């Protein structure tokens, strides 16, 4: 058994080992593959499917498409930074500084939102898989780099679109 006071210095960080080793490649491939798959879908089959949706579902599809692409671009940025660290192109310190610009907390509509069930299943699948991957990457990021005060405070609010809007309004009108 590990002594509690020494345990934290002797613990093996599995997430760190995964991020900074060859076992990172499958995660990288999954993320970049999802980016490519989403781009192909949104530019082809998804564009055609969106034209057949109700007005409500069309609005939801447009909003979720933007959230999906934002989420995937943030994930791709994180994955590319980790790959740069793995290949020696950047130090961990450089990656940590650059990764502070990456947001791993893109909000999404709930699956019980009005119009969600009308969205094409391939699109809903892309959204679900991107959310799952984002959650995995966020956990790994927290384990490797630690939780930043900025992330933990805002994380609670980003899951609530109303809070996001209130924050934007306060910022725009100079309120607290």
C-alpha atoms as a PDB file:
ATOM      1  CA  UNK A   1       0.000   0.000   0.000  1.00  0.00           C
ATOM      2  CA  UNK A   2       1.251   3.486  -0.807  1.00  0.00           C
ATOM      3  CA  UNK A   3       1.697   6.013   1.950  1.00  0.00           C
ATOM      4  CA  UNK A   4      -0.767   8.892   1.435  1.00  0.00           C
ATOM      5  CA  UNK A   5       1.912  11.582   1.744  1.00  0.00           C
ATOM      6  CA  UNK A   6       4.184   9.905  -0.806  1.00  0.00           C
ATOM      7  CA  UNK A   7       1.453   8.525  -3.041  1.00  0.00           C
ATOM      8  CA  UNK A   8       0.970  11.641  -5.116  1.00  0.00           C
ATOM      9  CA  UNK A   9       4.648  11.836  -6.082  1.00  0.00           C
ATOM     10  CA  UNK A  10       4.933   8.136  -6.887  1.00  0.00           C
ATOM     11  CA  UNK A  11       1.618   7.680  -8.681  1.00  0.00           C
ATOM     12  CA  UNK A  12       1.656   6.663 -12.310  1.00  0.00           C
ATOM     13  CA  UNK A  13      -0.463   9.088 -14.287  1.00  0.00           C
ATOM     14  CA  UNK A  14      -2.118   6.914 -16.897  1.00  0.00           C
ATOM     15  CA  UNK A  15      -3.456   9.875 -18.844  1.00  0.00           C
ATOM     16  CA  UNK A  16       0.004  11.431 -19.016  1.00  0.00           C
ATOM     17  CA  UNK A  17       1.506   8.141 -20.105  1.00  0.00           C
ATOM     18  CA  UNK A  18      -1.145   7.815 -22.822  1.00  0.00           C
ATOM     19  CA  UNK A  19      -0.764  11.389 -24.068  1.00  0.00           C
ATOM     20  CA  UNK A  20       3.026  11.287 -24.220  1.00  0.00           C
ATOM     21  CA  UNK A  21       3.525   7.837 -25.745  1.00  0.00           C
ATOM     22  CA  UNK A  22       2.712   5.782 -28.828  1.00  0.00           C
ATOM     23  CA  UNK A  23      -0.667   4.904 -27.316  1.00  0.00           C
ATOM     24  CA  UNK A  24      -1.671   8.494 -28.148  1.00  0.00           C
ATOM     25  CA  UNK A  25      -1.890   7.640 -31.874  1.00  0.00           C
ATOM     26  CA  UNK A  26      -5.287   5.843 -31.702  1.00  0.00           C
ATOM     27  CA  UNK A  27      -6.798   8.816 -29.839  1.00  0.00           C
ATOM     28  CA  UNK A  28      -5.285  11.214 -32.363  1.00  0.00           C
ATOM     29  CA  UNK A  29      -6.561   9.113 -35.266  1.00  0.00           C
ATOM     30  CA  UNK A  30     -10.050   8.912 -33.751  1.00  0.00           C
ATOM     31  CA  UNK A  31     -10.236  12.668 -33.232  1.00  0.00           C
ATOM     32  CA  UNK A  32      -8.899  13.637 -36.637  1.00  0.00           C
ATOM     33  CA  UNK A  33     -11.069  10.984 -38.285  1.00  0.00           C
ATOM     34  CA  UNK A  34     -14.121  12.456 -36.580  1.00  0.00           C
ATOM     35  CA  UNK A  35     -13.172  15.926 -37.836  1.00  0.00           C
ATOM     36  CA  UNK A  36     -12.911  14.589 -41.385  1.00  0.00           C
ATOM     37  CA  UNK A  37     -16.127  12.581 -41.139  1.00  0.00           C
ATOM     38  CA  UNK A  38     -18.053  15.598 -39.822  1.00  0.00           C
ATOM     39  CA  UNK A  39     -16.705  17.867 -42.550  1.00  0.00           C
ATOM     40  CA  UNK A  40     -17.719  15.397 -45.240  1.00  0.00           C
ATOM     41  CA  UNK A  41     -21.165  14.903 -43.729  1.00  0.00           C
ATOM     42  CA  UNK A  42     -21.909  18.610 -43.214  1.00  0.00           C
ATOM     43  CA  UNK A  43     -20.739  19.469 -46.705  1.00  0.00           C
ATOM     44  CA  UNK A  44     -22.638  16.659 -48.446  1.00  0.00           C
ATOM     45  CA  UNK A  45     -25.338  14.435 -47.020  1.00  0.00           C
ATOM     46  CA  UNK A  46     -25.992  16.785 -44.096  1.00  0.00           C
ATOM     47  CA  UNK A  47     -26.534  19.804 -46.335  1.00  0.00           C
ATOM     48  CA  UNK A  48     -29.163  17.888 -48.315  1.00  0.00           C
ATOM     49  CA  UNK A  49     -30.827  16.486 -45.189  1.00  0.00           C
ATOM     50  CA  UNK A  50     -31.032  19.945 -43.582  1.00  0.00           C
ATOM     51  CA  UNK A  51     -33.209  21.183 -46.459  1.00  0.00           C
ATOM     52  CA  UNK A  52     -35.935  18.678 -45.560  1.00  0.00           C
ATOM     53  CA  UNK A  53     -36.195  19.606 -41.854  1.00  0.00           C
ATOM     54  CA  UNK A  54     -38.988  21.553 -40.169  1.00  0.00           C
ATOM     55  CA  UNK A  55     -38.341  25.182 -39.270  1.00  0.00           C
ATOM     56  CA  UNK A  56     -37.670  24.246 -35.634  1.00  0.00           C
ATOM     57  CA  UNK A  57     -35.290  21.436 -36.542  1.00  0.00           C
ATOM     58  CA  UNK A  58     -33.550  23.635 -39.132  1.00  0.00           C
ATOM     59  CA  UNK A  59     -32.697  26.200 -36.448  1.00  0.00           C
ATOM     60  CA  UNK A  60     -31.493  23.498 -34.094  1.00  0.00           C
ATOM     61  CA  UNK A  61     -29.462  21.877 -36.870  1.00  0.00           C
ATOM     62  CA  UNK A  62     -27.771  25.187 -37.684  1.00  0.00           C
ATOM     63  CA  UNK A  63     -26.912  25.863 -34.034  1.00  0.00           C
ATOM     64  CA  UNK A  64     -25.698  22.322 -33.385  1.00  0.00           C
ATOM     65  CA  UNK A  65     -23.645  22.337 -36.607  1.00  0.00           C
ATOM     66  CA  UNK A  66     -21.772  25.415 -35.371  1.00  0.00           C
ATOM     67  CA  UNK A  67     -21.275  23.858 -31.948  1.00  0.00           C
ATOM     68  CA  UNK A  68     -20.106  20.598 -33.529  1.00  0.00           C
ATOM     69  CA  UNK A  69     -17.538  22.312 -35.741  1.00  0.00           C
ATOM     70  CA  UNK A  70     -16.343  24.488 -32.851  1.00  0.00           C
ATOM     71  CA  UNK A  71     -15.988  21.445 -30.586  1.00  0.00           C
ATOM     72  CA  UNK A  72     -14.115  19.486 -33.243  1.00  0.00           C
ATOM     73  CA  UNK A  73     -11.750  22.359 -34.071  1.00  0.00           C
ATOM     74  CA  UNK A  74     -10.906  22.739 -30.382  1.00  0.00           C
ATOM     75  CA  UNK A  75     -10.316  18.986 -30.108  1.00  0.00           C
ATOM     76  CA  UNK A  76      -8.143  19.032 -33.240  1.00  0.00           C
ATOM     77  CA  UNK A  77      -6.091  21.892 -31.780  1.00  0.00           C
ATOM     78  CA  UNK A  78      -5.529  19.968 -28.556  1.00  0.00           C
ATOM     79  CA  UNK A  79      -4.611  16.786 -30.420  1.00  0.00           C
ATOM     80  CA  UNK A  80      -2.175  18.631 -32.701  1.00  0.00           C
ATOM     81  CA  UNK A  81      -0.491  20.242 -29.697  1.00  0.00           C
ATOM     82  CA  UNK A  82      -0.057  16.864 -28.019  1.00  0.00           C
ATOM     83  CA  UNK A  83       1.314  15.402 -31.239  1.00  0.00           C
ATOM     84  CA  UNK A  84       3.809  18.276 -31.439  1.00  0.00           C
ATOM     85  CA  UNK A  85       4.952  17.487 -27.894  1.00  0.00           C
ATOM     86  CA  UNK A  86       5.252  13.772 -28.706  1.00  0.00           C
ATOM     87  CA  UNK A  87       7.389  14.449 -31.764  1.00  0.00           C
ATOM     88  CA  UNK A  88       9.638  16.892 -29.923  1.00  0.00           C
ATOM     89  CA  UNK A  89       8.532  19.904 -31.957  1.00  0.00           C
ATOM     90  CA  UNK A  90       7.328  21.616 -28.769  1.00  0.00           C
ATOM     91  CA  UNK A  91       8.177  21.255 -25.099  1.00  0.00           C
ATOM     92  CA  UNK A  92       5.493  20.372 -22.576  1.00  0.00           C
ATOM     93  CA  UNK A  93       5.742  23.937 -21.263  1.00  0.00           C
ATOM     94  CA  UNK A  94       5.121  25.354 -24.733  1.00  0.00           C
ATOM     95  CA  UNK A  95       2.182  23.013 -25.200  1.00  0.00           C
ATOM     96  CA  UNK A  96       0.748  24.002 -21.817  1.00  0.00           C
ATOM     97  CA  UNK A  97       0.990  27.698 -22.739  1.00  0.00           C
ATOM     98  CA  UNK A  98      -0.624  27.206 -26.155  1.00  0.00           C
ATOM     99  CA  UNK A  99      -3.256  24.815 -24.908  1.00  0.00           C
ATOM    100  CA  UNK A 100      -4.556  27.498 -22.563  1.00  0.00           C
ATOM    101  CA  UNK A 101      -6.208  28.958 -25.676  1.00  0.00           C
ATOM    102  CA  UNK A 102      -8.073  25.707 -26.359  1.00  0.00           C
ATOM    103  CA  UNK A 103     -11.586  25.376 -24.938  1.00  0.00           C
ATOM    104  CA  UNK A 104     -12.791  21.874 -24.154  1.00  0.00           C
ATOM    105  CA  UNK A 105     -16.245  22.840 -22.947  1.00  0.00           C
ATOM    106  CA  UNK A 106     -18.426  23.482 -25.978  1.00  0.00           C
ATOM    107  CA  UNK A 107     -22.088  23.432 -24.959  1.00  0.00           C
ATOM    108  CA  UNK A 108     -24.650  21.338 -26.779  1.00  0.00           C
ATOM    109  CA  UNK A 109     -28.419  21.097 -26.798  1.00  0.00           C
ATOM    110  CA  UNK A 110     -29.983  18.356 -24.756  1.00  0.00           C
ATOM    111  CA  UNK A 111     -31.277  15.332 -26.618  1.00  0.00           C
ATOM    112  CA  UNK A 112     -34.735  16.126 -25.267  1.00  0.00           C
ATOM    113  CA  UNK A 113     -34.656  19.624 -26.814  1.00  0.00           C
ATOM    114  CA  UNK A 114     -37.560  20.367 -29.160  1.00  0.00           C
ATOM    115  CA  UNK A 115     -36.617  19.257 -32.669  1.00  0.00           C
ATOM    116  CA  UNK A 116     -33.710  17.001 -31.606  1.00  0.00           C
ATOM    117  CA  UNK A 117     -35.485  13.813 -32.661  1.00  0.00           C
ATOM    118  CA  UNK A 118     -36.101  15.312 -36.114  1.00  0.00           C
ATOM    119  CA  UNK A 119     -32.372  15.754 -36.751  1.00  0.00           C
ATOM    120  CA  UNK A 120     -30.819  13.136 -39.049  1.00  0.00           C
ATOM    121  CA  UNK A 121     -29.393  10.174 -37.125  1.00  0.00           C
ATOM    122  CA  UNK A 122     -25.923  10.458 -38.738  1.00  0.00           C
ATOM    123  CA  UNK A 123     -25.753  14.055 -37.491  1.00  0.00           C
ATOM    124  CA  UNK A 124     -26.934  13.144 -33.991  1.00  0.00           C
ATOM    125  CA  UNK A 125     -24.309  10.386 -33.951  1.00  0.00           C
ATOM    126  CA  UNK A 126     -21.558  12.857 -34.859  1.00  0.00           C
ATOM    127  CA  UNK A 127     -22.691  15.197 -32.074  1.00  0.00           C
ATOM    128  CA  UNK A 128     -22.793  12.387 -29.490  1.00  0.00           C
ATOM    129  CA  UNK A 129     -19.385  11.033 -30.492  1.00  0.00           C
ATOM    130  CA  UNK A 130     -17.827  14.506 -30.445  1.00  0.00           C
ATOM    131  CA  UNK A 131     -19.223  15.151 -26.954  1.00  0.00           C
ATOM    132  CA  UNK A 132     -17.890  11.798 -25.731  1.00  0.00           C
ATOM    133  CA  UNK A 133     -14.454  12.494 -27.206  1.00  0.00           C
ATOM    134  CA  UNK A 134     -14.422  16.010 -25.773  1.00  0.00           C
ATOM    135  CA  UNK A 135     -15.220  14.641 -22.291  1.00  0.00           C
ATOM    136  CA  UNK A 136     -12.419  12.062 -22.590  1.00  0.00           C
ATOM    137  CA  UNK A 137      -9.898  14.655 -23.760  1.00  0.00           C
ATOM    138  CA  UNK A 138     -10.979  17.113 -21.048  1.00  0.00           C
ATOM    139  CA  UNK A 139     -10.429  14.443 -18.345  1.00  0.00           C
ATOM    140  CA  UNK A 140      -7.026  13.582 -19.788  1.00  0.00           C
ATOM    141  CA  UNK A 141      -6.112  17.253 -20.014  1.00  0.00           C
ATOM    142  CA  UNK A 142      -7.067  17.812 -16.371  1.00  0.00           C
ATOM    143  CA  UNK A 143      -5.023  14.796 -15.284  1.00  0.00           C
ATOM    144  CA  UNK A 144      -1.952  15.820 -17.281  1.00  0.00           C
ATOM    145  CA  UNK A 145      -1.993  19.596 -16.870  1.00  0.00           C
ATOM    146  CA  UNK A 146      -4.257  20.086 -13.867  1.00  0.00           C
ATOM    147  CA  UNK A 147      -7.488  22.028 -13.590  1.00  0.00           C
ATOM    148  CA  UNK A 148      -7.097  25.703 -14.257  1.00  0.00           C
ATOM    149  CA  UNK A 149      -9.206  28.068 -12.129  1.00  0.00           C
ATOM    150  CA  UNK A 150     -10.522  29.584 -15.358  1.00  0.00           C
ATOM    151  CA  UNK A 151     -11.777  26.198 -16.565  1.00  0.00           C
ATOM    152  CA  UNK A 152     -13.435  25.041 -13.369  1.00  0.00           C
ATOM    153  CA  UNK A 153     -15.341  28.309 -12.800  1.00  0.00           C
ATOM    154  CA  UNK A 154     -16.643  28.612 -16.318  1.00  0.00           C
ATOM    155  CA  UNK A 155     -17.294  24.913 -16.855  1.00  0.00           C
ATOM    156  CA  UNK A 156     -20.443  25.041 -14.728  1.00  0.00           C
ATOM    157  CA  UNK A 157     -21.857  27.920 -16.743  1.00  0.00           C
ATOM    158  CA  UNK A 158     -21.115  26.651 -20.250  1.00  0.00           C
ATOM    159  CA  UNK A 159     -23.510  23.747 -19.871  1.00  0.00           C
ATOM    160  CA  UNK A 160     -26.306  26.295 -19.506  1.00  0.00           C
ATOM    161  CA  UNK A 161     -26.933  28.405 -22.636  1.00  0.00           C
ATOM    162  CA  UNK A 162     -28.941  30.936 -20.608  1.00  0.00           C
ATOM    163  CA  UNK A 163     -25.949  31.577 -18.341  1.00  0.00           C
ATOM    164  CA  UNK A 164     -23.786  32.038 -21.438  1.00  0.00           C
ATOM    165  CA  UNK A 165     -26.182  34.662 -22.771  1.00  0.00           C
ATOM    166  CA  UNK A 166     -26.400  36.459 -19.419  1.00  0.00           C
ATOM    167  CA  UNK A 167     -22.606  36.552 -19.217  1.00  0.00           C
ATOM    168  CA  UNK A 168     -22.422  37.972 -22.758  1.00  0.00           C
ATOM    169  CA  UNK A 169     -24.997  40.634 -21.898  1.00  0.00           C
ATOM    170  CA  UNK A 170     -23.193  41.602 -18.701  1.00  0.00           C
ATOM    171  CA  UNK A 171     -19.946  41.877 -20.612  1.00  0.00           C
ATOM    172  CA  UNK A 172     -21.529  43.931 -23.380  1.00  0.00           C
ATOM    173  CA  UNK A 173     -23.253  46.334 -21.004  1.00  0.00           C
ATOM    174  CA  UNK A 174     -20.476  46.500 -18.409  1.00  0.00           C
ATOM    175  CA  UNK A 175     -22.409  44.799 -15.610  1.00  0.00           C
ATOM    176  CA  UNK A 176     -20.975  42.423 -13.026  1.00  0.00           C
END
